């Protein structure tokens, strides 16, 4: 695929050409991450492309492409108050809670990694204050993810306590609440896991939030067994990713199943994407060292 495929030609039918360019983008191989990112940037630099993207967001053929392009646009502005840009895109695209979770989970991590956490651009008062529904949900997702990635479980619990009723929230928002309770080792939070997985249709971002909380907590009843049980269920039963394998290794180490733990952490290292934050690789290396040390005692 050459760079010229997505260039927007000058013609009287510019709008049709622009739509065709978005369709061409959607057909780029999913495995070509770098090529897709650069193509998205070229599209975003095209004059008057925004109205085209807004229209394409509501066409089944191109909606996924527009969501991805929005993610690249936000990620390219992490050196600014990028959460406002995320709010804008949410109002334009009107994502489902699932689409919001997919988009914002990675962006919140990238922001933190770049020294521009969502917590630097949002306050609890903004999250809890009056706002249009999509903006309110976007802020809650972003702020909750910022607290989650900083392991600030008490602050996250307090945020939901201040909000009050949680039954009206989407499953991903409630999984962030469950993460905080699990991370604070509240045994009652264990009863939240199955209902959230069922209601979310075993959505990967919900499952990972719950797994993260299970891993972070301490002295939860049967904690390592519960981690392994969760990893044997959807969506992880289709093949856990590197982060899930890392948490599996930790659970196996606690059960003193060291050979299995070494296999899990080895698979985690092999499957870690090449563009992953180096700190994540460091976590895997430390877990392997803990396994080896524990095996020798």
Foldseek 3Di string as FASTA:
>chain_A
DDLCLLDQDDDPPSLVSLLVSLLVLLPDDPVPVVVSLVSLVNLVPDPPSVVSLLVQCPPPSRVVSSLVSLLSVLLVVLVDLSLVSVLVVCVSNVDDVLSLLVRQLVSQVSSVLVVRHNCNNDDLCNLLDDDPPSSNLSNLSRVLSSCVVVLVLVVNLVSDVVNPDDPPDDLLSVLSNLLSCLLQQPLVSVVVPVVSCVVVVLRVSSLVSNLNSLLNHPPHVVSLVVLVVSCCDPPNVVPHALVSLLSNLVSCLVVVVLVVSLVSLVVSLVRPDPPDDVVVVVSSVVSNVVSVVSNVD
